[in-house]
Amino acid sequence: MTALTWAIRAIIFVFLVVFATQNTDPVSLRLLPGTVWQTPLVIALLAFFIGGVILGALSLLGVIFRQRREISCLKREALPTPASLTPEVPPSA
């Protein structure tokens, strides 16, 4: 199974290297009025992919923190509460 995983990784890596070497033509991106960013196509694609990954991860932070808070609350509820600190006195007859 490990060999298959490494073979798939190698194939993907080779594909990405070939893609990067074939897409070196410069592109012009106009992000803000009056500014032009000229860069190879593969660099622009990589930059926007990384930006998307970062935005996706940031959008999950609220959910992750809410789940952690809920899990800690549930763990506190599941713990047995300690018995009363005062010893029980047997009833006198």
PDB file of N, CA and C in Angstrom:
ATOM      1  N   MET A   1       0.820  -1.192   0.000  1.00  0.00           N
ATOM      2  CA  MET A   1       0.000   0.000   0.000  1.00  0.00           C
ATOM      3  C   MET A   1       0.862   1.253   0.000  1.00  0.00           C
ATOM      4  N   THR A   2       1.977   1.201   0.736  1.00  0.00           N
ATOM      5  CA  THR A   2       2.869   2.348   0.792  1.00  0.00           C
ATOM      6  C   THR A   2       3.485   2.622  -0.576  1.00  0.00           C
ATOM      7  N   ALA A   3       3.851   1.571  -1.293  1.00  0.00           N
ATOM      8  CA  ALA A   3       4.432   1.754  -2.624  1.00  0.00           C
ATOM      9  C   ALA A   3       3.418   2.379  -3.573  1.00  0.00           C
ATOM     10  N   LEU A   4       2.171   1.972  -3.472  1.00  0.00           N
ATOM     11  CA  LEU A   4       1.125   2.551  -4.318  1.00  0.00           C
ATOM     12  C   LEU A   4       0.931   4.028  -4.008  1.00  0.00           C
ATOM     13  N   THR A   5       0.959   4.376  -2.744  1.00  0.00           N
ATOM     14  CA  THR A   5       0.814   5.776  -2.347  1.00  0.00           C
ATOM     15  C   THR A   5       1.954   6.617  -2.902  1.00  0.00           C
ATOM     16  N   TRP A   6       3.179   6.117  -2.775  1.00  0.00           N
ATOM     17  CA  TRP A   6       4.324   6.867  -3.293  1.00  0.00           C
ATOM     18  C   TRP A   6       4.291   6.940  -4.817  1.00  0.00           C
ATOM     19  N   ALA A   7       3.802   5.917  -5.485  1.00  0.00           N
ATOM     20  CA  ALA A   7       3.688   5.957  -6.942  1.00  0.00           C
ATOM     21  C   ALA A   7       2.689   7.023  -7.377  1.00  0.00           C
ATOM     22  N   ILE A   8       1.568   7.106  -6.681  1.00  0.00           N
ATOM     23  CA  ILE A   8       0.570   8.131  -7.012  1.00  0.00           C
ATOM     24  C   ILE A   8       1.129   9.521  -6.748  1.00  0.00           C
ATOM     25  N   ARG A   9       1.830   9.699  -5.639  1.00  0.00           N
ATOM     26  CA  ARG A   9       2.463  10.994  -5.347  1.00  0.00           C
ATOM     27  C   ARG A   9       3.481  11.376  -6.413  1.00  0.00           C
ATOM     28  N   ALA A  10       4.273  10.395  -6.864  1.00  0.00           N
ATOM     29  CA  ALA A  10       5.279  10.670  -7.897  1.00  0.00           C
ATOM     30  C   ALA A  10       4.615  11.070  -9.207  1.00  0.00           C
ATOM     31  N   ILE A  11       3.532  10.399  -9.560  1.00  0.00           N
ATOM     32  CA  ILE A  11       2.823  10.744 -10.799  1.00  0.00           C
ATOM     33  C   ILE A  11       2.259  12.161 -10.718  1.00  0.00           C
ATOM     34  N   ILE A  12       1.661  12.504  -9.578  1.00  0.00           N
ATOM     35  CA  ILE A  12       1.116  13.859  -9.411  1.00  0.00           C
ATOM     36  C   ILE A  12       2.231  14.887  -9.456  1.00  0.00           C
ATOM     37  N   PHE A  13       3.358  14.587  -8.805  1.00  0.00           N
ATOM     38  CA  PHE A  13       4.484  15.521  -8.814  1.00  0.00           C
ATOM     39  C   PHE A  13       5.007  15.743 -10.225  1.00  0.00           C
ATOM     40  N   VAL A  14       5.181  14.667 -10.987  1.00  0.00           N
ATOM     41  CA  VAL A  14       5.665  14.796 -12.367  1.00  0.00           C
ATOM     42  C   VAL A  14       4.678  15.601 -13.202  1.00  0.00           C
ATOM     43  N   PHE A  15       3.380  15.340 -13.019  1.00  0.00           N
ATOM     44  CA  PHE A  15       2.363  16.098 -13.750  1.00  0.00           C
ATOM     45  C   PHE A  15       2.466  17.585 -13.423  1.00  0.00           C
ATOM     46  N   LEU A  16       2.621  17.928 -12.151  1.00  0.00           N
ATOM     47  CA  LEU A  16       2.706  19.333 -11.763  1.00  0.00           C
ATOM     48  C   LEU A  16       3.979  20.004 -12.277  1.00  0.00           C
ATOM     49  N   VAL A  17       5.091  19.274 -12.294  1.00  0.00           N
ATOM     50  CA  VAL A  17       6.335  19.843 -12.829  1.00  0.00           C
ATOM     51  C   VAL A  17       6.188  20.107 -14.326  1.00  0.00           C
ATOM     52  N   VAL A  18       5.614  19.159 -15.062  1.00  0.00           N
ATOM     53  CA  VAL A  18       5.398  19.359 -16.503  1.00  0.00           C
ATOM     54  C   VAL A  18       4.443  20.529 -16.727  1.00  0.00           C
ATOM     55  N   PHE A  19       3.373  20.621 -15.922  1.00  0.00           N
ATOM     56  CA  PHE A  19       2.436  21.739 -16.038  1.00  0.00           C
ATOM     57  C   PHE A  19       3.134  23.066 -15.800  1.00  0.00           C
ATOM     58  N   ALA A  20       4.001  23.128 -14.786  1.00  0.00           N
ATOM     59  CA  ALA A  20       4.698  24.367 -14.456  1.00  0.00           C
ATOM     60  C   ALA A  20       5.674  24.770 -15.546  1.00  0.00           C
ATOM     61  N   THR A  21       6.373  23.799 -16.134  1.00  0.00           N
ATOM     62  CA  THR A  21       7.345  24.146 -17.169  1.00  0.00           C
ATOM     63  C   THR A  21       6.670  24.527 -18.487  1.00  0.00           C
ATOM     64  N   GLN A  22       5.457  24.041 -18.714  1.00  0.00           N
ATOM     65  CA  GLN A  22       4.759  24.370 -19.949  1.00  0.00           C
ATOM     66  C   GLN A  22       4.011  25.697 -19.870  1.00  0.00           C
ATOM     67  N   ASN A  23       3.765  26.210 -18.679  1.00  0.00           N
ATOM     68  CA  ASN A  23       2.978  27.431 -18.507  1.00  0.00           C
ATOM     69  C   ASN A  23       3.818  28.554 -17.912  1.00  0.00           C
ATOM     70  N   THR A  24       4.861  28.926 -18.631  1.00  0.00           N
ATOM     71  CA  THR A  24       5.729  30.003 -18.165  1.00  0.00           C
ATOM     72  C   THR A  24       5.481  31.306 -18.910  1.00  0.00           C
ATOM     73  N   ASP A  25       4.462  31.354 -19.752  1.00  0.00           N
ATOM     74  CA  ASP A  25       4.153  32.585 -20.468  1.00  0.00           C
ATOM     75  C   ASP A  25       3.713  33.653 -19.477  1.00  0.00           C
ATOM     76  N   PRO A  26       4.165  34.889 -19.688  1.00  0.00           N
ATOM     77  CA  PRO A  26       3.768  35.950 -18.750  1.00  0.00           C
ATOM     78  C   PRO A  26       2.298  36.332 -18.951  1.00  0.00           C
ATOM     79  N   VAL A  27       1.649  36.603 -17.855  1.00  0.00           N
ATOM     80  CA  VAL A  27       0.263  37.076 -17.881  1.00  0.00           C
ATOM     81  C   VAL A  27       0.201  38.392 -17.125  1.00  0.00           C
ATOM     82  N   SER A  28      -0.771  39.210 -17.484  1.00  0.00           N
ATOM     83  CA  SER A  28      -0.976  40.496 -16.815  1.00  0.00           C
ATOM     84  C   SER A  28      -2.264  40.429 -16.018  1.00  0.00           C
ATOM     85  N   LEU A  29      -2.146  40.659 -14.741  1.00  0.00           N
ATOM     86  CA  LEU A  29      -3.312  40.673 -13.864  1.00  0.00           C
ATOM     87  C   LEU A  29      -3.543  42.084 -13.367  1.00  0.00           C
ATOM     88  N   ARG A  30      -4.760  42.557 -13.506  1.00  0.00           N
ATOM     89  CA  ARG A  30      -5.130  43.885 -13.029  1.00  0.00           C
ATOM     90  C   ARG A  30      -5.991  43.711 -11.781  1.00  0.00           C
ATOM     91  N   LEU A  31      -5.339  43.744 -10.618  1.00  0.00           N
ATOM     92  CA  LEU A  31      -6.034  43.508  -9.366  1.00  0.00           C
ATOM     93  C   LEU A  31      -6.707  44.776  -8.851  1.00  0.00           C
ATOM     94  N   LEU A  32      -6.028  45.889  -8.888  1.00  0.00           N
ATOM     95  CA  LEU A  32      -6.559  47.172  -8.451  1.00  0.00           C
ATOM     96  C   LEU A  32      -6.482  48.147  -9.618  1.00  0.00           C
ATOM     97  N   PRO A  33      -7.329  49.157  -9.629  1.00  0.00           N
ATOM     98  CA  PRO A  33      -7.255  50.131 -10.724  1.00  0.00           C
ATOM     99  C   PRO A  33      -5.881  50.797 -10.777  1.00  0.00           C
ATOM    100  N   GLY A  34      -5.295  50.790 -11.935  1.00  0.00           N
ATOM    101  CA  GLY A  34      -3.999  51.426 -12.129  1.00  0.00           C
ATOM    102  C   GLY A  34      -2.803  50.545 -11.811  1.00  0.00           C
ATOM    103  N   THR A  35      -3.009  49.313 -11.385  1.00  0.00           N
ATOM    104  CA  THR A  35      -1.889  48.429 -11.091  1.00  0.00           C
ATOM    105  C   THR A  35      -1.967  47.199 -11.990  1.00  0.00           C
ATOM    106  N   VAL A  36      -0.812  46.790 -12.471  1.00  0.00           N
ATOM    107  CA  VAL A  36      -0.723  45.603 -13.317  1.00  0.00           C
ATOM    108  C   VAL A  36       0.354  44.714 -12.727  1.00  0.00           C
ATOM    109  N   TRP A  37       0.028  43.436 -12.549  1.00  0.00           N
ATOM    110  CA  TRP A  37       0.969  42.465 -12.015  1.00  0.00           C
ATOM    111  C   TRP A  37       1.302  41.508 -13.140  1.00  0.00           C
ATOM    112  N   GLN A  38       2.565  41.523 -13.599  1.00  0.00           N
ATOM    113  CA  GLN A  38       2.998  40.610 -14.658  1.00  0.00           C
ATOM    114  C   GLN A  38       3.849  39.517 -14.035  1.00  0.00           C
ATOM    115  N   THR A  39       3.441  38.290 -14.296  1.00  0.00           N
ATOM    116  CA  THR A  39       4.117  37.132 -13.723  1.00  0.00           C
ATOM    117  C   THR A  39       3.844  35.924 -14.604  1.00  0.00           C
ATOM    118  N   PRO A  40       4.656  34.886 -14.500  1.00  0.00           N
ATOM    119  CA  PRO A  40       4.334  33.657 -15.236  1.00  0.00           C
ATOM    120  C   PRO A  40       2.989  33.090 -14.770  1.00  0.00           C
ATOM    121  N   LEU A  41       2.291  32.436 -15.675  1.00  0.00           N
ATOM    122  CA  LEU A  41       0.967  31.901 -15.381  1.00  0.00           C
ATOM    123  C   LEU A  41       0.986  30.937 -14.209  1.00  0.00           C
ATOM    124  N   VAL A  42       1.992  30.084 -14.140  1.00  0.00           N
ATOM    125  CA  VAL A  42       2.035  29.088 -13.072  1.00  0.00           C
ATOM    126  C   VAL A  42       2.187  29.751 -11.707  1.00  0.00           C
ATOM    127  N   ILE A  43       2.909  30.846 -11.614  1.00  0.00           N
ATOM    128  CA  ILE A  43       3.067  31.562 -10.343  1.00  0.00           C
ATOM    129  C   ILE A  43       1.744  32.202  -9.934  1.00  0.00           C
ATOM    130  N   ALA A  44       1.033  32.784 -10.901  1.00  0.00           N
ATOM    131  CA  ALA A  44      -0.274  33.387 -10.594  1.00  0.00           C
ATOM    132  C   ALA A  44      -1.253  32.321 -10.114  1.00  0.00           C
ATOM    133  N   LEU A  45      -1.285  31.185 -10.788  1.00  0.00           N
ATOM    134  CA  LEU A  45      -2.186  30.107 -10.363  1.00  0.00           C
ATOM    135  C   LEU A  45      -1.831  29.601  -8.974  1.00  0.00           C
ATOM    136  N   LEU A  46      -0.550  29.435  -8.704  1.00  0.00           N
ATOM    137  CA  LEU A  46      -0.108  28.974  -7.395  1.00  0.00           C
ATOM    138  C   LEU A  46      -0.466  29.977  -6.303  1.00  0.00           C
ATOM    139  N   ALA A  47      -0.289  31.258  -6.570  1.00  0.00           N
ATOM    140  CA  ALA A  47      -0.600  32.295  -5.578  1.00  0.00           C
ATOM    141  C   ALA A  47      -2.091  32.300  -5.247  1.00  0.00           C
ATOM    142  N   PHE A  48      -2.931  32.199  -6.269  1.00  0.00           N
ATOM    143  CA  PHE A  48      -4.370  32.219  -6.006  1.00  0.00           C
ATOM    144  C   PHE A  48      -4.840  30.912  -5.369  1.00  0.00           C
ATOM    145  N   PHE A  49      -4.199  29.807  -5.679  1.00  0.00           N
ATOM    146  CA  PHE A  49      -4.532  28.539  -5.025  1.00  0.00           C
ATOM    147  C   PHE A  49      -4.201  28.609  -3.534  1.00  0.00           C
ATOM    148  N   ILE A  50      -3.012  29.113  -3.208  1.00  0.00           N
ATOM    149  CA  ILE A  50      -2.610  29.247  -1.810  1.00  0.00           C
ATOM    150  C   ILE A  50      -3.534  30.214  -1.081  1.00  0.00           C
ATOM    151  N   GLY A  51      -3.911  31.308  -1.746  1.00  0.00           N
ATOM    152  CA  GLY A  51      -4.854  32.240  -1.137  1.00  0.00           C
ATOM    153  C   GLY A  51      -6.195  31.586  -0.844  1.00  0.00           C
ATOM    154  N   GLY A  52      -6.674  30.743  -1.756  1.00  0.00           N
ATOM    155  CA  GLY A  52      -7.925  30.024  -1.533  1.00  0.00           C
ATOM    156  C   GLY A  52      -7.831  29.042  -0.387  1.00  0.00           C
ATOM    157  N   VAL A  53      -6.699  28.370  -0.278  1.00  0.00           N
ATOM    158  CA  VAL A  53      -6.508  27.429   0.837  1.00  0.00           C
ATOM    159  C   VAL A  53      -6.507  28.177   2.164  1.00  0.00           C
ATOM    160  N   ILE A  54      -5.847  29.313   2.214  1.00  0.00           N
ATOM    161  CA  ILE A  54      -5.801  30.104   3.451  1.00  0.00           C
ATOM    162  C   ILE A  54      -7.190  30.604   3.818  1.00  0.00           C
ATOM    163  N   LEU A  55      -7.937  31.134   2.838  1.00  0.00           N
ATOM    164  CA  LEU A  55      -9.293  31.606   3.123  1.00  0.00           C
ATOM    165  C   LEU A  55     -10.204  30.462   3.566  1.00  0.00           C
ATOM    166  N   GLY A  56     -10.054  29.295   2.963  1.00  0.00           N
ATOM    167  CA  GLY A  56     -10.848  28.141   3.372  1.00  0.00           C
ATOM    168  C   GLY A  56     -10.541  27.717   4.789  1.00  0.00           C
ATOM    169  N   ALA A  57      -9.270  27.728   5.151  1.00  0.00           N
ATOM    170  CA  ALA A  57      -8.882  27.354   6.516  1.00  0.00           C
ATOM    171  C   ALA A  57      -9.394  28.380   7.523  1.00  0.00           C
ATOM    172  N   LEU A  58      -9.324  29.657   7.173  1.00  0.00           N
ATOM    173  CA  LEU A  58      -9.820  30.687   8.080  1.00  0.00           C
ATOM    174  C   LEU A  58     -11.327  30.602   8.259  1.00  0.00           C
ATOM    175  N   SER A  59     -12.036  30.182   7.227  1.00  0.00           N
ATOM    176  CA  SER A  59     -13.486  30.078   7.356  1.00  0.00           C
ATOM    177  C   SER A  59     -13.891  28.937   8.282  1.00  0.00           C
ATOM    178  N   LEU A  60     -13.012  27.970   8.496  1.00  0.00           N
ATOM    179  CA  LEU A  60     -13.307  26.851   9.387  1.00  0.00           C
ATOM    180  C   LEU A  60     -12.950  27.120  10.843  1.00  0.00           C
ATOM    181  N   LEU A  61     -12.210  28.180  11.115  1.00  0.00           N
ATOM    182  CA  LEU A  61     -11.750  28.429  12.482  1.00  0.00           C
ATOM    183  C   LEU A  61     -12.911  28.608  13.458  1.00  0.00           C
ATOM    184  N   GLY A  62     -13.957  29.324  13.061  1.00  0.00           N
ATOM    185  CA  GLY A  62     -15.098  29.526  13.948  1.00  0.00           C
ATOM    186  C   GLY A  62     -15.762  28.221  14.320  1.00  0.00           C
ATOM    187  N   VAL A  63     -15.929  27.345  13.345  1.00  0.00           N
ATOM    188  CA  VAL A  63     -16.551  26.043  13.594  1.00  0.00           C
ATOM    189  C   VAL A  63     -15.676  25.213  14.525  1.00  0.00           C
ATOM    190  N   ILE A  64     -14.379  25.218  14.296  1.00  0.00           N
ATOM    191  CA  ILE A  64     -13.458  24.424  15.121  1.00  0.00           C
ATOM    192  C   ILE A  64     -13.484  24.904  16.566  1.00  0.00           C
ATOM    193  N   PHE A  65     -13.421  26.229  16.783  1.00  0.00           N
ATOM    194  CA  PHE A  65     -13.431  26.743  18.154  1.00  0.00           C
ATOM    195  C   PHE A  65     -14.760  26.468  18.847  1.00  0.00           C
ATOM    196  N   ARG A  66     -15.872  26.575  18.124  1.00  0.00           N
ATOM    197  CA  ARG A  66     -17.175  26.290  18.713  1.00  0.00           C
ATOM    198  C   ARG A  66     -17.267  24.817  19.119  1.00  0.00           C
ATOM    199  N   GLN A  67     -16.769  23.930  18.258  1.00  0.00           N
ATOM    200  CA  GLN A  67     -16.801  22.502  18.582  1.00  0.00           C
ATOM    201  C   GLN A  67     -15.912  22.183  19.781  1.00  0.00           C
ATOM    202  N   ARG A  68     -14.748  22.801  19.863  1.00  0.00           N
ATOM    203  CA  ARG A  68     -13.865  22.560  21.012  1.00  0.00           C
ATOM    204  C   ARG A  68     -14.521  23.028  22.308  1.00  0.00           C
ATOM    205  N   ARG A  69     -15.172  24.195  22.246  1.00  0.00           N
ATOM    206  CA  ARG A  69     -15.847  24.713  23.436  1.00  0.00           C
ATOM    207  C   ARG A  69     -16.980  23.773  23.851  1.00  0.00           C
ATOM    208  N   GLU A  70     -17.740  23.290  22.878  1.00  0.00           N
ATOM    209  CA  GLU A  70     -18.841  22.376  23.177  1.00  0.00           C
ATOM    210  C   GLU A  70     -18.329  21.044  23.731  1.00  0.00           C
ATOM    211  N   ILE A  71     -17.234  20.534  23.184  1.00  0.00           N
ATOM    212  CA  ILE A  71     -16.656  19.276  23.668  1.00  0.00           C
ATOM    213  C   ILE A  71     -16.173  19.430  25.105  1.00  0.00           C
ATOM    214  N   SER A  72     -15.505  20.542  25.416  1.00  0.00           N
ATOM    215  CA  SER A  72     -15.024  20.729  26.791  1.00  0.00           C
ATOM    216  C   SER A  72     -16.194  20.876  27.758  1.00  0.00           C
ATOM    217  N   CYS A  73     -17.275  21.520  27.323  1.00  0.00           N
ATOM    218  CA  CYS A  73     -18.459  21.641  28.172  1.00  0.00           C
ATOM    219  C   CYS A  73     -19.082  20.270  28.420  1.00  0.00           C
ATOM    220  N   LEU A  74     -19.167  19.454  27.382  1.00  0.00           N
ATOM    221  CA  LEU A  74     -19.729  18.110  27.526  1.00  0.00           C
ATOM    222  C   LEU A  74     -18.849  17.223  28.399  1.00  0.00           C
ATOM    223  N   LYS A  75     -17.525  17.384  28.295  1.00  0.00           N
ATOM    224  CA  LYS A  75     -16.620  16.613  29.143  1.00  0.00           C
ATOM    225  C   LYS A  75     -16.802  16.990  30.606  1.00  0.00           C
ATOM    226  N   ARG A  76     -16.985  18.292  30.878  1.00  0.00           N
ATOM    227  CA  ARG A  76     -17.197  18.727  32.252  1.00  0.00           C
ATOM    228  C   ARG A  76     -18.500  18.163  32.806  1.00  0.00           C
ATOM    229  N   GLU A  77     -19.528  18.105  31.973  1.00  0.00           N
ATOM    230  CA  GLU A  77     -20.804  17.552  32.416  1.00  0.00           C
ATOM    231  C   GLU A  77     -20.714  16.046  32.656  1.00  0.00           C
ATOM    232  N   ALA A  78     -19.870  15.366  31.900  1.00  0.00           N
ATOM    233  CA  ALA A  78     -19.759  13.912  32.010  1.00  0.00           C
ATOM    234  C   ALA A  78     -18.944  13.484  33.219  1.00  0.00           C
ATOM    235  N   LEU A  79     -18.088  14.339  33.737  1.00  0.00           N
ATOM    236  CA  LEU A  79     -17.288  13.978  34.913  1.00  0.00           C
ATOM    237  C   LEU A  79     -18.195  13.829  36.122  1.00  0.00           C
ATOM    238  N   PRO A  80     -17.944  12.801  36.929  1.00  0.00           N
ATOM    239  CA  PRO A  80     -18.769  12.650  38.132  1.00  0.00           C
ATOM    240  C   PRO A  80     -18.460  13.769  39.115  1.00  0.00           C
ATOM    241  N   THR A  81     -19.493  14.312  39.700  1.00  0.00           N
ATOM    242  CA  THR A  81     -19.285  15.384  40.672  1.00  0.00           C
ATOM    243  C   THR A  81     -18.814  14.776  41.987  1.00  0.00           C
ATOM    244  N   PRO A  82     -17.889  15.421  42.667  1.00  0.00           N
ATOM    245  CA  PRO A  82     -17.391  14.858  43.925  1.00  0.00           C
ATOM    246  C   PRO A  82     -18.501  14.853  44.978  1.00  0.00           C
ATOM    247  N   ALA A  83     -18.430  13.856  45.835  1.00  0.00           N
ATOM    248  CA  ALA A  83     -19.428  13.740  46.902  1.00  0.00           C
ATOM    249  C   ALA A  83     -19.295  14.921  47.862  1.00  0.00           C
ATOM    250  N   SER A  84     -20.277  15.098  48.638  1.00  0.00           N
ATOM    251  CA  SER A  84     -20.284  16.203  49.599  1.00  0.00           C
ATOM    252  C   SER A  84     -19.056  16.102  50.510  1.00  0.00           C
ATOM    253  N   LEU A  85     -18.503  17.226  50.854  1.00  0.00           N
ATOM    254  CA  LEU A  85     -17.309  17.238  51.687  1.00  0.00           C
ATOM    255  C   LEU A  85     -17.616  16.929  53.148  1.00  0.00           C
ATOM    256  N   THR A  86     -18.826  17.182  53.594  1.00  0.00           N
ATOM    257  CA  THR A  86     -19.167  16.882  54.991  1.00  0.00           C
ATOM    258  C   THR A  86     -19.560  15.405  55.099  1.00  0.00           C
ATOM    259  N   PRO A  87     -19.024  14.707  56.087  1.00  0.00           N
ATOM    260  CA  PRO A  87     -19.363  13.284  56.218  1.00  0.00           C
ATOM    261  C   PRO A  87     -20.816  13.109  56.642  1.00  0.00           C
ATOM    262  N   GLU A  88     -21.406  12.060  56.154  1.00  0.00           N
ATOM    263  CA  GLU A  88     -22.785  11.784  56.549  1.00  0.00           C
ATOM    264  C   GLU A  88     -22.812  11.233  57.961  1.00  0.00           C
ATOM    265  N   VAL A  89     -23.672  11.792  58.757  1.00  0.00           N
ATOM    266  CA  VAL A  89     -23.812  11.346  60.132  1.00  0.00           C
ATOM    267  C   VAL A  89     -24.967  10.357  60.181  1.00  0.00           C
ATOM    268  N   PRO A  90     -24.743   9.185  60.744  1.00  0.00           N
ATOM    269  CA  PRO A  90     -25.847   8.223  60.817  1.00  0.00           C
ATOM    270  C   PRO A  90     -26.942   8.751  61.736  1.00  0.00           C
ATOM    271  N   PRO A  91     -28.160   8.463  61.401  1.00  0.00           N
ATOM    272  CA  PRO A  91     -29.259   8.965  62.257  1.00  0.00           C
ATOM    273  C   PRO A  91     -29.194   8.330  63.648  1.00  0.00           C
ATOM    274  N   SER A  92     -29.452   9.145  64.640  1.00  0.00           N
ATOM    275  CA  SER A  92     -29.451   8.606  66.005  1.00  0.00           C
ATOM    276  C   SER A  92     -30.817   8.033  66.335  1.00  0.00           C
ATOM    277  N   ALA A  93     -30.799   6.981  67.085  1.00  0.00           N
ATOM    278  CA  ALA A  93     -32.037   6.261  67.404  1.00  0.00           C
ATOM    279  C   ALA A  93     -32.797   6.871  68.520  1.00  0.00           C
TER     280      ALA A  93
END
